[in-house]
């Protein structure tokens, strides 16, 4: 599967594109950066778009069962989820 750094790069690009964030803001994200509930741009509508882009660009399938608050709470949580999914496929 893709390397951790490749997934990280792709995930940052997805967040930037879907949420229309500044590149500098997204580049500054670390594992503890808050996402859902912290970024005003990431509302429930944006989450749907985020998952669609993740599925397309990372070639994964995200089931409703996969989705919990923890994976969306921080950038680290989302990255760990994306990594686990790409290993599965």
N, C-alpha and C. Protein backbone atom coordinates (compact mmCIF):
# COMPACT_ATOMS: atom_id res chain seq x y z
N UNK A 1 0.82 -1.20 0.00
CA UNK A 1 0.00 0.00 0.00
C UNK A 1 0.85 1.25 0.00
N UNK A 2 0.20 2.40 -0.09
CA UNK A 2 0.95 3.66 -0.10
C UNK A 2 1.65 3.89 1.23
N UNK A 3 2.74 4.60 1.18
CA UNK A 3 3.49 4.87 2.41
C UNK A 3 2.73 5.84 3.30
N UNK A 4 3.14 5.85 4.56
CA UNK A 4 2.51 6.75 5.52
C UNK A 4 2.60 8.20 5.05
N UNK A 5 3.76 8.59 4.54
CA UNK A 5 3.92 9.99 4.12
C UNK A 5 3.06 10.30 2.90
N UNK A 6 2.86 9.30 2.02
CA UNK A 6 2.01 9.52 0.85
C UNK A 6 0.56 9.72 1.28
N UNK A 7 0.12 8.92 2.24
CA UNK A 7 -1.25 9.05 2.76
C UNK A 7 -1.41 10.41 3.45
N UNK A 8 -0.42 10.78 4.22
CA UNK A 8 -0.44 12.07 4.92
C UNK A 8 -0.57 13.22 3.92
N UNK A 9 0.25 13.17 2.86
CA UNK A 9 0.22 14.22 1.84
C UNK A 9 -1.14 14.29 1.16
N UNK A 10 -1.68 13.12 0.81
CA UNK A 10 -2.97 13.06 0.14
C UNK A 10 -4.08 13.57 1.05
N UNK A 11 -4.04 13.16 2.32
CA UNK A 11 -5.08 13.56 3.26
C UNK A 11 -5.07 15.07 3.47
N UNK A 12 -3.90 15.66 3.56
CA UNK A 12 -3.82 17.11 3.70
C UNK A 12 -4.39 17.82 2.47
N UNK A 13 -4.08 17.27 1.29
CA UNK A 13 -4.61 17.86 0.05
C UNK A 13 -6.13 17.78 0.01
N UNK A 14 -6.67 16.65 0.46
CA UNK A 14 -8.12 16.47 0.50
C UNK A 14 -8.76 17.49 1.43
N UNK A 15 -8.21 17.64 2.63
CA UNK A 15 -8.75 18.60 3.59
C UNK A 15 -8.69 20.01 3.02
N UNK A 16 -7.57 20.34 2.39
CA UNK A 16 -7.41 21.67 1.81
C UNK A 16 -8.46 21.91 0.72
N UNK A 17 -8.63 20.92 -0.15
CA UNK A 17 -9.55 21.08 -1.28
C UNK A 17 -11.01 21.10 -0.84
N UNK A 18 -11.38 20.15 0.02
CA UNK A 18 -12.78 20.02 0.42
C UNK A 18 -13.22 21.20 1.29
N UNK A 19 -12.34 21.64 2.17
CA UNK A 19 -12.70 22.69 3.13
C UNK A 19 -12.27 24.08 2.68
N UNK A 20 -11.59 24.15 1.53
CA UNK A 20 -11.09 25.43 1.01
C UNK A 20 -10.24 26.16 2.04
N UNK A 21 -9.31 25.41 2.64
CA UNK A 21 -8.41 25.99 3.64
C UNK A 21 -7.12 26.48 2.96
N UNK A 22 -6.43 27.37 3.64
CA UNK A 22 -5.13 27.81 3.16
C UNK A 22 -4.13 26.67 3.29
N UNK A 23 -3.25 26.56 2.31
CA UNK A 23 -2.24 25.51 2.35
C UNK A 23 -1.39 25.59 3.61
N UNK A 24 -1.04 26.82 4.01
CA UNK A 24 -0.20 27.00 5.20
C UNK A 24 -0.89 26.48 6.45
N UNK A 25 -2.22 26.67 6.51
CA UNK A 25 -2.97 26.18 7.68
C UNK A 25 -2.92 24.65 7.73
N UNK A 26 -3.14 24.02 6.57
CA UNK A 26 -3.18 22.56 6.53
C UNK A 26 -1.80 21.97 6.76
N UNK A 27 -0.77 22.63 6.27
CA UNK A 27 0.60 22.14 6.48
C UNK A 27 0.97 22.16 7.95
N UNK A 28 0.33 23.04 8.70
CA UNK A 28 0.64 23.17 10.13
C UNK A 28 -0.09 22.14 10.99
N UNK A 29 -1.02 21.38 10.39
CA UNK A 29 -1.74 20.37 11.15
C UNK A 29 -0.77 19.35 11.73
N UNK A 30 -0.98 18.99 12.99
CA UNK A 30 -0.25 17.85 13.55
C UNK A 30 -1.27 16.87 14.11
N UNK A 31 -0.78 15.81 14.74
CA UNK A 31 -1.66 14.73 15.18
C UNK A 31 -2.77 15.24 16.11
N UNK A 32 -2.48 16.30 16.87
CA UNK A 32 -3.44 16.79 17.86
C UNK A 32 -4.33 17.92 17.36
N UNK A 33 -4.15 18.32 16.10
CA UNK A 33 -4.99 19.38 15.55
C UNK A 33 -6.45 18.93 15.52
N UNK A 34 -7.32 19.72 16.12
CA UNK A 34 -8.73 19.37 16.17
C UNK A 34 -9.40 19.57 14.82
N UNK A 35 -10.24 18.62 14.45
CA UNK A 35 -10.97 18.72 13.18
C UNK A 35 -12.45 18.98 13.45
N UNK A 36 -13.25 17.93 13.49
CA UNK A 36 -14.70 18.11 13.66
C UNK A 36 -14.99 18.71 15.03
N UNK A 37 -15.74 19.80 15.03
CA UNK A 37 -16.03 20.50 16.28
C UNK A 37 -15.01 21.58 16.60
N UNK A 38 -13.92 21.60 15.82
CA UNK A 38 -12.88 22.60 16.05
C UNK A 38 -12.70 23.49 14.82
N UNK A 39 -12.79 22.89 13.64
CA UNK A 39 -12.69 23.65 12.39
C UNK A 39 -14.10 24.02 11.94
N UNK A 40 -14.43 25.31 11.91
CA UNK A 40 -15.78 25.69 11.50
C UNK A 40 -16.13 25.22 10.09
N UNK A 41 -15.10 25.07 9.23
CA UNK A 41 -15.37 24.65 7.86
C UNK A 41 -15.85 23.20 7.78
N UNK A 42 -15.48 22.41 8.79
CA UNK A 42 -15.82 20.98 8.75
C UNK A 42 -17.15 20.74 9.46
N UNK A 43 -18.24 20.97 8.73
CA UNK A 43 -19.56 20.67 9.26
C UNK A 43 -20.00 19.30 8.71
N UNK A 44 -21.21 18.89 9.05
CA UNK A 44 -21.63 17.54 8.65
C UNK A 44 -21.72 17.38 7.14
N UNK A 45 -22.06 18.45 6.43
CA UNK A 45 -22.07 18.38 4.96
C UNK A 45 -20.66 18.18 4.43
N UNK A 46 -19.70 18.90 5.00
CA UNK A 46 -18.32 18.79 4.55
C UNK A 46 -17.75 17.41 4.84
N UNK A 47 -18.20 16.79 5.93
CA UNK A 47 -17.72 15.45 6.27
C UNK A 47 -18.07 14.46 5.15
N UNK A 48 -19.28 14.57 4.60
CA UNK A 48 -19.68 13.69 3.51
C UNK A 48 -18.76 13.86 2.31
N UNK A 49 -18.45 15.11 1.97
CA UNK A 49 -17.54 15.38 0.87
C UNK A 49 -16.13 14.89 1.15
N UNK A 50 -15.73 15.03 2.40
CA UNK A 50 -14.41 14.57 2.82
C UNK A 50 -14.27 13.06 2.62
N UNK A 51 -15.29 12.32 3.06
CA UNK A 51 -15.25 10.86 2.91
C UNK A 51 -15.25 10.44 1.44
N UNK A 52 -16.04 11.13 0.63
CA UNK A 52 -16.09 10.81 -0.80
C UNK A 52 -14.72 10.99 -1.43
N UNK A 53 -14.07 12.09 -1.12
CA UNK A 53 -12.74 12.35 -1.67
C UNK A 53 -11.71 11.34 -1.14
N UNK A 54 -11.83 10.98 0.13
CA UNK A 54 -10.91 9.99 0.70
C UNK A 54 -11.06 8.65 -0.02
N UNK A 55 -12.31 8.27 -0.27
CA UNK A 55 -12.57 7.01 -0.98
C UNK A 55 -11.96 7.05 -2.38
N UNK A 56 -12.16 8.16 -3.08
CA UNK A 56 -11.65 8.29 -4.45
C UNK A 56 -10.13 8.32 -4.49
N UNK A 57 -9.54 9.18 -3.68
CA UNK A 57 -8.10 9.43 -3.81
C UNK A 57 -7.24 8.39 -3.11
N UNK A 58 -7.79 7.76 -2.07
CA UNK A 58 -7.03 6.74 -1.35
C UNK A 58 -7.45 5.34 -1.76
N UNK A 59 -8.46 5.25 -2.61
CA UNK A 59 -8.96 3.97 -3.10
C UNK A 59 -9.37 3.06 -1.94
N UNK A 60 -10.22 3.60 -1.08
CA UNK A 60 -10.72 2.85 0.07
C UNK A 60 -12.25 2.92 0.07
N UNK A 61 -12.86 2.12 0.91
CA UNK A 61 -14.31 2.18 1.12
C UNK A 61 -14.55 2.49 2.59
N UNK A 62 -15.32 3.52 2.84
CA UNK A 62 -15.63 3.92 4.22
C UNK A 62 -17.08 3.52 4.51
N UNK A 63 -17.26 2.58 5.42
CA UNK A 63 -18.60 2.15 5.81
C UNK A 63 -19.12 3.03 6.93
N UNK A 64 -20.44 3.11 7.05
CA UNK A 64 -21.04 3.88 8.14
C UNK A 64 -20.53 3.40 9.50
N UNK A 65 -20.29 2.08 9.59
CA UNK A 65 -19.82 1.50 10.85
C UNK A 65 -18.44 2.02 11.23
N UNK A 66 -17.67 2.43 10.22
CA UNK A 66 -16.30 2.90 10.45
C UNK A 66 -16.26 4.25 11.15
N UNK A 67 -17.33 5.00 10.95
CA UNK A 67 -17.30 6.40 11.32
C UNK A 67 -17.65 6.58 12.79
N UNK A 68 -16.72 7.16 13.53
CA UNK A 68 -17.02 7.52 14.92
C UNK A 68 -16.43 8.89 15.21
N UNK A 69 -16.81 9.44 16.33
CA UNK A 69 -16.36 10.79 16.66
C UNK A 69 -14.85 10.88 16.80
N UNK A 70 -14.24 9.81 17.27
CA UNK A 70 -12.81 9.84 17.55
C UNK A 70 -11.99 10.02 16.28
N UNK A 71 -12.40 9.33 15.21
CA UNK A 71 -11.61 9.41 13.98
C UNK A 71 -11.68 10.80 13.36
N UNK A 72 -12.74 11.54 13.67
CA UNK A 72 -12.89 12.88 13.09
C UNK A 72 -12.44 13.98 14.05
N UNK A 73 -12.09 13.59 15.25
CA UNK A 73 -11.80 14.60 16.27
C UNK A 73 -10.48 15.31 16.04
N UNK A 74 -9.48 14.56 15.60
CA UNK A 74 -8.16 15.14 15.37
C UNK A 74 -7.60 14.69 14.03
N UNK A 75 -6.63 15.44 13.55
CA UNK A 75 -5.96 15.05 12.31
C UNK A 75 -5.27 13.70 12.48
N UNK A 76 -4.67 13.48 13.62
CA UNK A 76 -4.01 12.20 13.88
C UNK A 76 -4.98 11.03 13.82
N UNK A 77 -6.17 11.23 14.35
CA UNK A 77 -7.19 10.19 14.31
C UNK A 77 -7.62 9.86 12.90
N UNK A 78 -7.78 10.91 12.09
CA UNK A 78 -8.19 10.72 10.70
C UNK A 78 -7.09 10.04 9.90
N UNK A 79 -5.86 10.44 10.16
CA UNK A 79 -4.71 9.84 9.46
C UNK A 79 -4.57 8.36 9.82
N UNK A 80 -4.70 8.04 11.10
CA UNK A 80 -4.61 6.65 11.54
C UNK A 80 -5.70 5.80 10.89
N UNK A 81 -6.90 6.38 10.80
CA UNK A 81 -8.02 5.69 10.15
C UNK A 81 -7.70 5.44 8.68
N UNK A 82 -7.21 6.46 7.99
CA UNK A 82 -6.89 6.33 6.56
C UNK A 82 -5.82 5.27 6.35
N UNK A 83 -4.82 5.28 7.22
CA UNK A 83 -3.74 4.29 7.12
C UNK A 83 -4.27 2.87 7.30
N UNK A 84 -5.10 2.68 8.31
CA UNK A 84 -5.66 1.36 8.58
C UNK A 84 -6.50 0.88 7.40
N UNK A 85 -7.23 1.79 6.80
CA UNK A 85 -8.10 1.44 5.67
C UNK A 85 -7.30 1.05 4.44
N UNK A 86 -6.21 1.75 4.19
CA UNK A 86 -5.42 1.44 2.99
C UNK A 86 -4.70 0.11 3.15
N UNK A 87 -4.40 -0.28 4.37
CA UNK A 87 -3.78 -1.58 4.64
C UNK A 87 -4.78 -2.70 4.36
N UNK A 88 -6.03 -2.45 4.74
CA UNK A 88 -7.10 -3.45 4.57
C UNK A 88 -7.36 -3.78 3.11
N UNK A 89 -7.33 -2.76 2.27
CA UNK A 89 -7.82 -2.94 0.89
C UNK A 89 -6.83 -3.69 0.02
